[in-house]
PDB file of N, CA and C in Angstrom:
ATOM      1  N   LEU A   1      -6.831  11.448  -8.757  1.00  0.00           N
ATOM      2  CA  LEU A   1      -6.843  10.094  -8.929  1.00  0.00           C
ATOM      3  C   LEU A   1      -5.936   9.579  -7.705  1.00  0.00           C
ATOM      4  N   LEU A   2      -5.093  10.077  -7.946  1.00  0.00           N
ATOM      5  CA  LEU A   2      -3.933   9.687  -6.824  1.00  0.00           C
ATOM      6  C   LEU A   2      -4.654  10.028  -5.001  1.00  0.00           C
ATOM      7  N   GLY A   3      -5.326  11.209  -5.092  1.00  0.00           N
ATOM      8  CA  GLY A   3      -5.731  11.552  -3.743  1.00  0.00           C
ATOM      9  C   GLY A   3      -6.561  10.512  -3.212  1.00  0.00           C
ATOM     10  N   LEU A   4      -7.551  10.347  -4.234  1.00  0.00           N
ATOM     11  CA  LEU A   4      -8.601   9.249  -3.780  1.00  0.00           C
ATOM     12  C   LEU A   4      -8.065   8.041  -3.317  1.00  0.00           C
ATOM     13  N   CYS A   5      -6.841   7.531  -4.294  1.00  0.00           N
ATOM     14  CA  CYS A   5      -6.252   6.334  -3.773  1.00  0.00           C
ATOM     15  C   CYS A   5      -5.775   6.341  -2.261  1.00  0.00           C
ATOM     16  N   LEU A   6      -4.973   7.244  -2.278  1.00  0.00           N
ATOM     17  CA  LEU A   6      -4.446   7.820  -0.610  1.00  0.00           C
ATOM     18  C   LEU A   6      -5.411   7.839   0.304  1.00  0.00           C
ATOM     19  N   ILE A   7      -6.481   8.319  -0.026  1.00  0.00           N
ATOM     20  CA  ILE A   7      -7.709   8.360   1.054  1.00  0.00           C
ATOM     21  C   ILE A   7      -8.144   7.177   1.468  1.00  0.00           C
ATOM     22  N   THR A   8      -8.471   6.454   0.394  1.00  0.00           N
ATOM     23  CA  THR A   8      -8.782   4.884   0.258  1.00  0.00           C
ATOM     24  C   THR A   8      -8.032   4.059   1.059  1.00  0.00           C
ATOM     25  N   GLN A   9      -6.646   4.261   0.742  1.00  0.00           N
ATOM     26  CA  GLN A   9      -5.752   3.282   1.380  1.00  0.00           C
ATOM     27  C   GLN A   9      -5.770   3.674   2.987  1.00  0.00           C
ATOM     28  N   ILE A  10      -5.438   4.966   3.192  1.00  0.00           N
ATOM     29  CA  ILE A  10      -5.637   5.278   4.711  1.00  0.00           C
ATOM     30  C   ILE A  10      -6.725   4.790   5.570  1.00  0.00           C
ATOM     31  N   LEU A  11      -8.043   5.274   5.114  1.00  0.00           N
ATOM     32  CA  LEU A  11      -9.190   4.602   5.673  1.00  0.00           C
ATOM     33  C   LEU A  11      -9.005   3.207   5.896  1.00  0.00           C
ATOM     34  N   THR A  12      -8.993   2.197   4.683  1.00  0.00           N
ATOM     35  CA  THR A  12      -8.932   0.825   4.896  1.00  0.00           C
ATOM     36  C   THR A  12      -8.076   0.280   5.668  1.00  0.00           C
ATOM     37  N   GLY A  13      -6.741   1.152   5.875  1.00  0.00           N
ATOM     38  CA  GLY A  13      -5.466   0.593   6.616  1.00  0.00           C
ATOM     39  C   GLY A  13      -6.014   1.219   8.066  1.00  0.00           C
ATOM     40  N   LEU A  14      -6.588   2.075   8.447  1.00  0.00           N
ATOM     41  CA  LEU A  14      -6.962   2.443   9.668  1.00  0.00           C
ATOM     42  C   LEU A  14      -7.829   1.508  10.380  1.00  0.00           C
ATOM     43  N   PHE A  15      -8.926   0.848   9.704  1.00  0.00           N
ATOM     44  CA  PHE A  15      -9.816   0.001   9.955  1.00  0.00           C
ATOM     45  C   PHE A  15      -9.180  -1.293  10.303  1.00  0.00           C
ATOM     46  N   LEU A  16      -8.074  -2.011   9.084  1.00  0.00           N
ATOM     47  CA  LEU A  16      -7.416  -3.059   9.108  1.00  0.00           C
ATOM     48  C   LEU A  16      -6.755  -3.134  10.703  1.00  0.00           C
ATOM     49  N   ALA A  17      -6.171  -1.661  10.903  1.00  0.00           N
ATOM     50  CA  ALA A  17      -5.007  -1.713  12.016  1.00  0.00           C
ATOM     51  C   ALA A  17      -5.727  -1.987  13.419  1.00  0.00           C
ATOM     52  N   MET A  18      -7.184  -1.595  12.999  1.00  0.00           N
ATOM     53  CA  MET A  18      -7.909  -1.719  14.550  1.00  0.00           C
ATOM     54  C   MET A  18      -8.141  -3.300  14.897  1.00  0.00           C
ATOM     55  N   HIS A  19      -8.009  -4.146  14.060  1.00  0.00           N
ATOM     56  CA  HIS A  19      -8.237  -5.610  14.511  1.00  0.00           C
ATOM     57  C   HIS A  19      -6.930  -6.243  14.184  1.00  0.00           C
ATOM     58  N   TYR A  20      -5.558  -5.755  13.806  1.00  0.00           N
ATOM     59  CA  TYR A  20      -4.674  -6.375  13.416  1.00  0.00           C
ATOM     60  C   TYR A  20      -3.847  -6.661  15.040  1.00  0.00           C
ATOM     61  N   THR A  21      -3.101  -7.590  14.867  1.00  0.00           N
ATOM     62  CA  THR A  21      -2.057  -7.774  15.989  1.00  0.00           C
ATOM     63  C   THR A  21      -0.606  -8.105  15.296  1.00  0.00           C
ATOM     64  N   SER A  22       0.390  -7.354  16.057  1.00  0.00           N
ATOM     65  CA  SER A  22       1.709  -7.567  15.291  1.00  0.00           C
ATOM     66  C   SER A  22       2.594  -8.594  15.794  1.00  0.00           C
ATOM     67  N   ASP A  23       2.316  -9.050  16.733  1.00  0.00           N
ATOM     68  CA  ASP A  23       3.213 -10.406  16.912  1.00  0.00           C
ATOM     69  C   ASP A  23       3.123 -11.351  16.091  1.00  0.00           C
ATOM     70  N   ILE A  24       4.375 -11.848  15.943  1.00  0.00           N
ATOM     71  CA  ILE A  24       4.889 -12.788  14.646  1.00  0.00           C
ATOM     72  C   ILE A  24       3.848 -13.990  14.908  1.00  0.00           C
ATOM     73  N   SER A  25       3.871 -14.495  16.241  1.00  0.00           N
ATOM     74  CA  SER A  25       2.926 -16.167  16.087  1.00  0.00           C
ATOM     75  C   SER A  25       1.444 -15.510  15.661  1.00  0.00           C
ATOM     76  N   THR A  26       0.935 -14.380  16.204  1.00  0.00           N
ATOM     77  CA  THR A  26      -0.445 -14.175  15.654  1.00  0.00           C
ATOM     78  C   THR A  26      -0.815 -13.124  14.896  1.00  0.00           C
ATOM     79  N   ALA A  27       0.298 -12.886  13.891  1.00  0.00           N
ATOM     80  CA  ALA A  27      -0.120 -11.755  12.742  1.00  0.00           C
ATOM     81  C   ALA A  27      -1.003 -12.326  11.644  1.00  0.00           C
ATOM     82  N   PHE A  28      -0.721 -13.575  11.189  1.00  0.00           N
ATOM     83  CA  PHE A  28      -1.247 -14.215  10.302  1.00  0.00           C
ATOM     84  C   PHE A  28      -2.756 -14.734  11.019  1.00  0.00           C
ATOM     85  N   LEU A  29      -3.177 -14.997  12.089  1.00  0.00           N
ATOM     86  CA  LEU A  29      -4.254 -15.297  12.584  1.00  0.00           C
ATOM     87  C   LEU A  29      -5.170 -14.270  12.616  1.00  0.00           C
ATOM     88  N   SER A  30      -4.722 -12.973  13.033  1.00  0.00           N
ATOM     89  CA  SER A  30      -5.282 -11.726  12.864  1.00  0.00           C
ATOM     90  C   SER A  30      -5.654 -11.343  11.586  1.00  0.00           C
ATOM     91  N   VAL A  31      -4.901 -11.612  10.341  1.00  0.00           N
ATOM     92  CA  VAL A  31      -5.698 -11.360   9.231  1.00  0.00           C
ATOM     93  C   VAL A  31      -6.908 -12.234   8.998  1.00  0.00           C
ATOM     94  N   THR A  32      -6.336 -13.399   9.267  1.00  0.00           N
ATOM     95  CA  THR A  32      -7.896 -14.398   8.823  1.00  0.00           C
ATOM     96  C   THR A  32      -8.798 -14.107   9.662  1.00  0.00           C
ATOM     97  N   HIS A  33      -8.685 -13.535  10.978  1.00  0.00           N
ATOM     98  CA  HIS A  33      -9.772 -13.221  11.748  1.00  0.00           C
ATOM     99  C   HIS A  33     -10.533 -11.907  11.139  1.00  0.00           C
ATOM    100  N   ILE A  34      -9.940 -11.345  10.515  1.00  0.00           N
ATOM    101  CA  ILE A  34     -10.301  -9.853  10.002  1.00  0.00           C
ATOM    102  C   ILE A  34     -10.923 -10.449   8.583  1.00  0.00           C
ATOM    103  N   CYS A  35     -10.511 -11.744   8.079  1.00  0.00           N
ATOM    104  CA  CYS A  35     -11.283 -11.928   6.709  1.00  0.00           C
ATOM    105  C   CYS A  35     -12.542 -12.839   7.300  1.00  0.00           C
ATOM    106  N   ARG A  36     -12.547 -13.765   8.309  1.00  0.00           N
ATOM    107  CA  ARG A  36     -13.807 -14.414   8.588  1.00  0.00           C
ATOM    108  C   ARG A  36     -14.711 -13.887   9.364  1.00  0.00           C
ATOM    109  N   ASP A  37     -14.225 -13.279  10.432  1.00  0.00           N
ATOM    110  CA  ASP A  37     -15.061 -12.794  11.630  1.00  0.00           C
ATOM    111  C   ASP A  37     -15.488 -11.356  11.369  1.00  0.00           C
ATOM    112  N   VAL A  38     -14.530 -10.449  11.038  1.00  0.00           N
ATOM    113  CA  VAL A  38     -15.157  -8.986  10.795  1.00  0.00           C
ATOM    114  C   VAL A  38     -15.995  -9.050   9.979  1.00  0.00           C
ATOM    115  N   ASN A  39     -17.148  -8.235  10.226  1.00  0.00           N
ATOM    116  CA  ASN A  39     -18.197  -7.904   9.109  1.00  0.00           C
ATOM    117  C   ASN A  39     -17.437  -7.070   8.103  1.00  0.00           C
ATOM    118  N   TYR A  40     -17.639  -7.540   6.913  1.00  0.00           N
ATOM    119  CA  TYR A  40     -16.940  -7.287   5.761  1.00  0.00           C
ATOM    120  C   TYR A  40     -15.506  -6.969   5.910  1.00  0.00           C
ATOM    121  N   GLY A  41     -14.918  -7.662   6.528  1.00  0.00           N
ATOM    122  CA  GLY A  41     -13.409  -7.591   6.698  1.00  0.00           C
ATOM    123  C   GLY A  41     -12.707  -8.013   5.433  1.00  0.00           C
ATOM    124  N   TRP A  42     -13.360  -9.159   4.785  1.00  0.00           N
ATOM    125  CA  TRP A  42     -12.523  -9.650   3.644  1.00  0.00           C
ATOM    126  C   TRP A  42     -12.767  -8.417   2.633  1.00  0.00           C
ATOM    127  N   LEU A  43     -13.603  -7.604   2.652  1.00  0.00           N
ATOM    128  CA  LEU A  43     -14.066  -6.736   1.532  1.00  0.00           C
ATOM    129  C   LEU A  43     -13.029  -5.566   1.921  1.00  0.00           C
ATOM    130  N   ILE A  44     -12.785  -5.261   2.810  1.00  0.00           N
ATOM    131  CA  ILE A  44     -11.943  -4.171   3.297  1.00  0.00           C
ATOM    132  C   ILE A  44     -10.574  -4.403   3.216  1.00  0.00           C
ATOM    133  N   ARG A  45     -10.200  -5.871   3.492  1.00  0.00           N
ATOM    134  CA  ARG A  45      -8.889  -6.305   3.268  1.00  0.00           C
ATOM    135  C   ARG A  45      -8.268  -6.084   1.404  1.00  0.00           C
ATOM    136  N   ASN A  46      -9.627  -6.650   1.045  1.00  0.00           N
ATOM    137  CA  ASN A  46      -9.586  -6.701  -0.775  1.00  0.00           C
ATOM    138  C   ASN A  46      -9.207  -5.462  -1.102  1.00  0.00           C
ATOM    139  N   ILE A  47     -10.068  -4.351  -0.608  1.00  0.00           N
ATOM    140  CA  ILE A  47      -9.742  -3.149  -1.113  1.00  0.00           C
ATOM    141  C   ILE A  47      -8.691  -2.312  -0.972  1.00  0.00           C
ATOM    142  N   HIS A  48      -8.060  -2.752   0.337  1.00  0.00           N
ATOM    143  CA  HIS A  48      -6.808  -2.193   0.558  1.00  0.00           C
ATOM    144  C   HIS A  48      -5.863  -2.814  -0.086  1.00  0.00           C
ATOM    145  N   ALA A  49      -5.749  -4.249  -0.451  1.00  0.00           N
ATOM    146  CA  ALA A  49      -4.373  -4.741  -1.392  1.00  0.00           C
ATOM    147  C   ALA A  49      -4.470  -4.288  -2.663  1.00  0.00           C
ATOM    148  N   ASN A  50      -5.747  -4.503  -3.359  1.00  0.00           N
ATOM    149  CA  ASN A  50      -5.876  -3.897  -4.662  1.00  0.00           C
ATOM    150  C   ASN A  50      -5.626  -2.586  -4.768  1.00  0.00           C
ATOM    151  N   GLY A  51      -6.157  -1.697  -3.773  1.00  0.00           N
ATOM    152  CA  GLY A  51      -5.756  -0.256  -3.837  1.00  0.00           C
ATOM    153  C   GLY A  51      -4.363   0.151  -3.671  1.00  0.00           C
ATOM    154  N   ALA A  52      -3.976  -0.875  -3.064  1.00  0.00           N
ATOM    155  CA  ALA A  52      -2.322  -0.443  -3.575  1.00  0.00           C
ATOM    156  C   ALA A  52      -1.776  -0.607  -4.743  1.00  0.00           C
ATOM    157  N   SER A  53      -2.190  -1.609  -5.288  1.00  0.00           N
ATOM    158  CA  SER A  53      -2.121  -1.998  -6.797  1.00  0.00           C
ATOM    159  C   SER A  53      -2.148  -0.702  -7.869  1.00  0.00           C
ATOM    160  N   PHE A  54      -3.530  -0.454  -7.401  1.00  0.00           N
ATOM    161  CA  PHE A  54      -3.990   0.590  -8.321  1.00  0.00           C
ATOM    162  C   PHE A  54      -3.306   1.922  -8.312  1.00  0.00           C
ATOM    163  N   PHE A  55      -2.882   2.114  -6.796  1.00  0.00           N
ATOM    164  CA  PHE A  55      -2.234   3.325  -6.327  1.00  0.00           C
ATOM    165  C   PHE A  55      -0.816   3.544  -7.172  1.00  0.00           C
ATOM    166  N   PHE A  56      -0.132   2.424  -7.255  1.00  0.00           N
ATOM    167  CA  PHE A  56       1.192   2.390  -7.819  1.00  0.00           C
ATOM    168  C   PHE A  56       0.912   2.502  -9.522  1.00  0.00           C
ATOM    169  N   ILE A  57      -0.144   1.943 -10.018  1.00  0.00           N
ATOM    170  CA  ILE A  57      -0.576   1.987 -11.619  1.00  0.00           C
ATOM    171  C   ILE A  57      -0.745   3.555 -11.667  1.00  0.00           C
ATOM    172  N   CYS A  58      -1.237   4.092 -10.883  1.00  0.00           N
ATOM    173  CA  CYS A  58      -1.717   5.652 -10.948  1.00  0.00           C
ATOM    174  C   CYS A  58      -0.217   6.764 -10.680  1.00  0.00           C
ATOM    175  N   ILE A  59       0.660   6.049 -10.058  1.00  0.00           N
ATOM    176  CA  ILE A  59       2.030   6.810  -9.742  1.00  0.00           C
ATOM    177  C   ILE A  59       2.751   6.372 -11.141  1.00  0.00           C
ATOM    178  N   TYR A  60       2.816   5.204 -11.578  1.00  0.00           N
ATOM    179  CA  TYR A  60       3.629   4.993 -12.797  1.00  0.00           C
ATOM    180  C   TYR A  60       2.948   5.843 -14.110  1.00  0.00           C
ATOM    181  N   ILE A  61       1.702   6.112 -13.933  1.00  0.00           N
ATOM    182  CA  ILE A  61       0.908   6.757 -15.091  1.00  0.00           C
ATOM    183  C   ILE A  61       1.739   8.211 -14.868  1.00  0.00           C
ATOM    184  N   HIS A  62       1.599   8.562 -13.724  1.00  0.00           N
ATOM    185  CA  HIS A  62       2.056  10.136 -13.293  1.00  0.00           C
ATOM    186  C   HIS A  62       3.200  10.217 -13.803  1.00  0.00           C
ATOM    187  N   ILE A  63       4.281   9.326 -13.560  1.00  0.00           N
ATOM    188  CA  ILE A  63       5.714   9.181 -13.933  1.00  0.00           C
ATOM    189  C   ILE A  63       5.887   9.391 -15.412  1.00  0.00           C
ATOM    190  N   ALA A  64       5.084   8.764 -15.985  1.00  0.00           N
ATOM    191  CA  ALA A  64       5.167   8.202 -17.510  1.00  0.00           C
ATOM    192  C   ALA A  64       4.626   9.754 -18.087  1.00  0.00           C
ATOM    193  N   ARG A  65       3.645  10.494 -17.581  1.00  0.00           N
ATOM    194  CA  ARG A  65       3.288  11.714 -17.956  1.00  0.00           C
ATOM    195  C   ARG A  65       4.329  12.753 -17.630  1.00  0.00           C
ATOM    196  N   GLY A  66       5.197  12.683 -16.508  1.00  0.00           N
ATOM    197  CA  GLY A  66       6.057  13.806 -16.335  1.00  0.00           C
ATOM    198  C   GLY A  66       7.398  13.500 -17.204  1.00  0.00           C
ATOM    199  N   LEU A  67       7.522  12.182 -17.918  1.00  0.00           N
ATOM    200  CA  LEU A  67       8.482  11.956 -18.705  1.00  0.00           C
ATOM    201  C   LEU A  67       8.246  12.449 -20.144  1.00  0.00           C
ATOM    202  N   TYR A  68       6.903  12.356 -20.647  1.00  0.00           N
ATOM    203  CA  TYR A  68       6.160  12.923 -21.727  1.00  0.00           C
ATOM    204  C   TYR A  68       6.479  14.359 -21.778  1.00  0.00           C
ATOM    205  N   TYR A  69       6.016  14.957 -20.506  1.00  0.00           N
ATOM    206  CA  TYR A  69       6.084  16.507 -20.798  1.00  0.00           C
ATOM    207  C   TYR A  69       7.452  17.062 -20.226  1.00  0.00           C
ATOM    208  N   GLY A  70       8.537  16.494 -19.698  1.00  0.00           N
ATOM    209  CA  GLY A  70       9.883  16.777 -19.872  1.00  0.00           C
ATOM    210  C   GLY A  70       9.712  17.692 -18.362  1.00  0.00           C
ATOM    211  N   SER A  71       9.353  17.055 -17.258  1.00  0.00           N
ATOM    212  CA  SER A  71       9.268  17.577 -16.116  1.00  0.00           C
ATOM    213  C   SER A  71      10.629  17.347 -15.347  1.00  0.00           C
ATOM    214  N   TYR A  72      11.367  16.227 -15.854  1.00  0.00           N
ATOM    215  CA  TYR A  72      12.483  15.947 -15.061  1.00  0.00           C
ATOM    216  C   TYR A  72      13.432  17.060 -15.409  1.00  0.00           C
ATOM    217  N   LEU A  73      13.416  18.045 -16.315  1.00  0.00           N
ATOM    218  CA  LEU A  73      14.142  19.155 -16.294  1.00  0.00           C
ATOM    219  C   LEU A  73      14.247  20.056 -15.078  1.00  0.00           C
ATOM    220  N   TYR A  74      12.885  19.840 -14.433  1.00  0.00           N
ATOM    221  CA  TYR A  74      13.305  20.722 -12.989  1.00  0.00           C
ATOM    222  C   TYR A  74      13.402  19.589 -11.967  1.00  0.00           C
ATOM    223  N   LYS A  75      14.851  20.077 -11.774  1.00  0.00           N
ATOM    224  CA  LYS A  75      15.407  19.046 -10.967  1.00  0.00           C
ATOM    225  C   LYS A  75      15.547  18.870  -9.271  1.00  0.00           C
ATOM    226  N   GLU A  76      14.639  19.906  -8.894  1.00  0.00           N
ATOM    227  CA  GLU A  76      14.312  19.577  -7.773  1.00  0.00           C
ATOM    228  C   GLU A  76      12.910  19.130  -7.422  1.00  0.00           C
ATOM    229  N   THR A  77      12.119  19.407  -8.114  1.00  0.00           N
ATOM    230  CA  THR A  77      10.733  18.849  -8.087  1.00  0.00           C
ATOM    231  C   THR A  77      11.067  17.283  -8.558  1.00  0.00           C
ATOM    232  N   TRP A  78      11.602  17.102  -9.377  1.00  0.00           N
ATOM    233  CA  TRP A  78      11.762  15.572  -9.806  1.00  0.00           C
ATOM    234  C   TRP A  78      12.272  14.672  -8.740  1.00  0.00           C
ATOM    235  N   ASN A  79      13.615  15.464  -7.917  1.00  0.00           N
ATOM    236  CA  ASN A  79      14.381  14.516  -6.963  1.00  0.00           C
ATOM    237  C   ASN A  79      13.429  14.315  -5.993  1.00  0.00           C
ATOM    238  N   ILE A  80      12.436  15.438  -5.451  1.00  0.00           N
ATOM    239  CA  ILE A  80      11.348  15.263  -4.433  1.00  0.00           C
ATOM    240  C   ILE A  80      10.641  13.878  -4.969  1.00  0.00           C
ATOM    241  N   GLY A  81       9.940  14.068  -6.123  1.00  0.00           N
ATOM    242  CA  GLY A  81       8.991  12.881  -6.731  1.00  0.00           C
ATOM    243  C   GLY A  81      10.030  11.760  -6.448  1.00  0.00           C
ATOM    244  N   VAL A  82      11.155  11.701  -6.904  1.00  0.00           N
ATOM    245  CA  VAL A  82      11.764  10.289  -6.471  1.00  0.00           C
ATOM    246  C   VAL A  82      12.135   9.778  -5.258  1.00  0.00           C
ATOM    247  N   ILE A  83      12.094  10.704  -4.365  1.00  0.00           N
ATOM    248  CA  ILE A  83      12.054  10.365  -2.899  1.00  0.00           C
ATOM    249  C   ILE A  83      11.005  10.200  -2.453  1.00  0.00           C
ATOM    250  N   LEU A  84       9.770  10.714  -3.019  1.00  0.00           N
ATOM    251  CA  LEU A  84       8.514  10.356  -2.363  1.00  0.00           C
ATOM    252  C   LEU A  84       8.369   8.791  -2.746  1.00  0.00           C
ATOM    253  N   LEU A  85       8.524   8.407  -4.111  1.00  0.00           N
ATOM    254  CA  LEU A  85       8.475   7.468  -4.600  1.00  0.00           C
ATOM    255  C   LEU A  85       9.161   5.782  -4.115  1.00  0.00           C
ATOM    256  N   LEU A  86      10.363   6.514  -3.544  1.00  0.00           N
ATOM    257  CA  LEU A  86      11.175   5.384  -2.842  1.00  0.00           C
ATOM    258  C   LEU A  86      10.461   4.955  -1.493  1.00  0.00           C
ATOM    259  N   LEU A  87       9.856   6.409  -0.874  1.00  0.00           N
ATOM    260  CA  LEU A  87       9.268   6.072   0.286  1.00  0.00           C
ATOM    261  C   LEU A  87       7.795   5.390   0.399  1.00  0.00           C
ATOM    262  N   ILE A  88       7.224   5.600  -0.943  1.00  0.00           N
ATOM    263  CA  ILE A  88       6.031   4.637  -1.210  1.00  0.00           C
ATOM    264  C   ILE A  88       6.213   3.300  -1.106  1.00  0.00           C
ATOM    265  N   MET A  89       7.368   3.060  -2.077  1.00  0.00           N
ATOM    266  CA  MET A  89       8.111   1.666  -2.351  1.00  0.00           C
ATOM    267  C   MET A  89       8.199   0.871  -0.786  1.00  0.00           C
ATOM    268  N   ILE A  90       8.824   1.612   0.419  1.00  0.00           N
ATOM    269  CA  ILE A  90       9.399   1.243   1.360  1.00  0.00           C
ATOM    270  C   ILE A  90       7.993   0.926   2.180  1.00  0.00           C
ATOM    271  N   THR A  91       7.078   1.979   2.239  1.00  0.00           N
ATOM    272  CA  THR A  91       5.625   1.742   2.794  1.00  0.00           C
ATOM    273  C   THR A  91       5.050   0.576   2.321  1.00  0.00           C
ATOM    274  N   ALA A  92       4.984   0.384   0.850  1.00  0.00           N
ATOM    275  CA  ALA A  92       4.296  -0.911   0.209  1.00  0.00           C
ATOM    276  C   ALA A  92       4.884  -2.253   0.722  1.00  0.00           C
ATOM    277  N   PHE A  93       6.379  -2.093   0.868  1.00  0.00           N
ATOM    278  CA  PHE A  93       7.063  -3.341   1.227  1.00  0.00           C
ATOM    279  C   PHE A  93       6.782  -3.687   2.912  1.00  0.00           C
ATOM    280  N   VAL A  94       6.467  -2.771   3.390  1.00  0.00           N
ATOM    281  CA  VAL A  94       6.158  -2.676   5.098  1.00  0.00           C
ATOM    282  C   VAL A  94       4.852  -3.668   4.985  1.00  0.00           C
ATOM    283  N   GLY A  95       3.930  -3.118   4.232  1.00  0.00           N
ATOM    284  CA  GLY A  95       2.638  -3.495   4.025  1.00  0.00           C
ATOM    285  C   GLY A  95       2.643  -4.918   3.662  1.00  0.00           C
ATOM    286  N   TYR A  96       3.366  -5.226   2.645  1.00  0.00           N
ATOM    287  CA  TYR A  96       3.313  -6.533   2.061  1.00  0.00           C
ATOM    288  C   TYR A  96       3.854  -7.471   3.177  1.00  0.00           C
ATOM    289  N   VAL A  97       4.728  -7.282   4.237  1.00  0.00           N
ATOM    290  CA  VAL A  97       5.308  -8.070   4.918  1.00  0.00           C
ATOM    291  C   VAL A  97       4.370  -8.480   6.220  1.00  0.00           C
ATOM    292  N   LEU A  98       3.610  -7.182   6.562  1.00  0.00           N
ATOM    293  CA  LEU A  98       2.686  -7.230   7.911  1.00  0.00           C
ATOM    294  C   LEU A  98       1.856  -8.531   8.238  1.00  0.00           C
ATOM    295  N   PRO A  99       1.314  -9.043   7.091  1.00  0.00           N
ATOM    296  CA  PRO A  99       0.285 -10.243   7.420  1.00  0.00           C
ATOM    297  C   PRO A  99       1.169 -11.534   7.603  1.00  0.00           C
ATOM    298  N   TRP A 100       2.501 -11.504   7.348  1.00  0.00           N
ATOM    299  CA  TRP A 100       3.295 -12.576   8.106  1.00  0.00           C
ATOM    300  C   TRP A 100       2.773 -14.089   7.529  1.00  0.00           C
ATOM    301  N   GLY A 101       2.311 -14.167   6.041  1.00  0.00           N
ATOM    302  CA  GLY A 101       2.326 -15.356   5.642  1.00  0.00           C
ATOM    303  C   GLY A 101       3.462 -16.147   4.855  1.00  0.00           C
ATOM    304  N   GLN A 102       3.263 -17.168   4.180  1.00  0.00           N
ATOM    305  CA  GLN A 102       4.388 -17.541   3.277  1.00  0.00           C
ATOM    306  C   GLN A 102       4.764 -16.542   2.540  1.00  0.00           C
ATOM    307  N   MET A 103       4.050 -15.698   1.404  1.00  0.00           N
ATOM    308  CA  MET A 103       4.766 -14.823   0.530  1.00  0.00           C
ATOM    309  C   MET A 103       5.057 -13.516   1.439  1.00  0.00           C
ATOM    310  N   SER A 104       4.770 -13.422   2.527  1.00  0.00           N
ATOM    311  CA  SER A 104       5.545 -12.446   3.170  1.00  0.00           C
ATOM    312  C   SER A 104       6.867 -12.614   3.702  1.00  0.00           C
ATOM    313  N   PHE A 105       6.550 -13.886   4.102  1.00  0.00           N
ATOM    314  CA  PHE A 105       8.191 -14.578   4.780  1.00  0.00           C
ATOM    315  C   PHE A 105       9.126 -14.447   3.756  1.00  0.00           C
ATOM    316  N   TRP A 106       8.983 -14.965   2.628  1.00  0.00           N
ATOM    317  CA  TRP A 106       9.850 -15.262   1.456  1.00  0.00           C
ATOM    318  C   TRP A 106      10.101 -13.676   0.889  1.00  0.00           C
ATOM    319  N   GLY A 107       9.237 -12.950   1.000  1.00  0.00           N
ATOM    320  CA  GLY A 107       9.675 -11.396   0.341  1.00  0.00           C
ATOM    321  C   GLY A 107      10.320 -10.784   1.457  1.00  0.00           C
ATOM    322  N   GLY A 108      10.108 -10.958   2.769  1.00  0.00           N
ATOM    323  CA  GLY A 108      11.025 -10.235   3.675  1.00  0.00           C
ATOM    324  C   GLY A 108      12.288 -10.575   3.930  1.00  0.00           C
TER     325      GLY A 108
END
């Protein structure tokens, strides 16, 4: 399930990156351009945004399963998982800030 979410996020992210401009003054305009002018851009953006939330839900289910089965006893594996979780959170924060709307401005 996590692999499917990750592949979906990568594919939709690549498509969105083709139409995104990273300049502060035009970042939000490029997002509105994707939603309004690109064919099915609104769908791709919503899949990407909701896919990120579903990805984190799956991660938290995975962590809960690890806690239930005592996987935290394997210190090296658990520590790698914690590092991966932190990297995913940092990546999600960057994705949250990229549109540079009002929520992104105050979130950053």
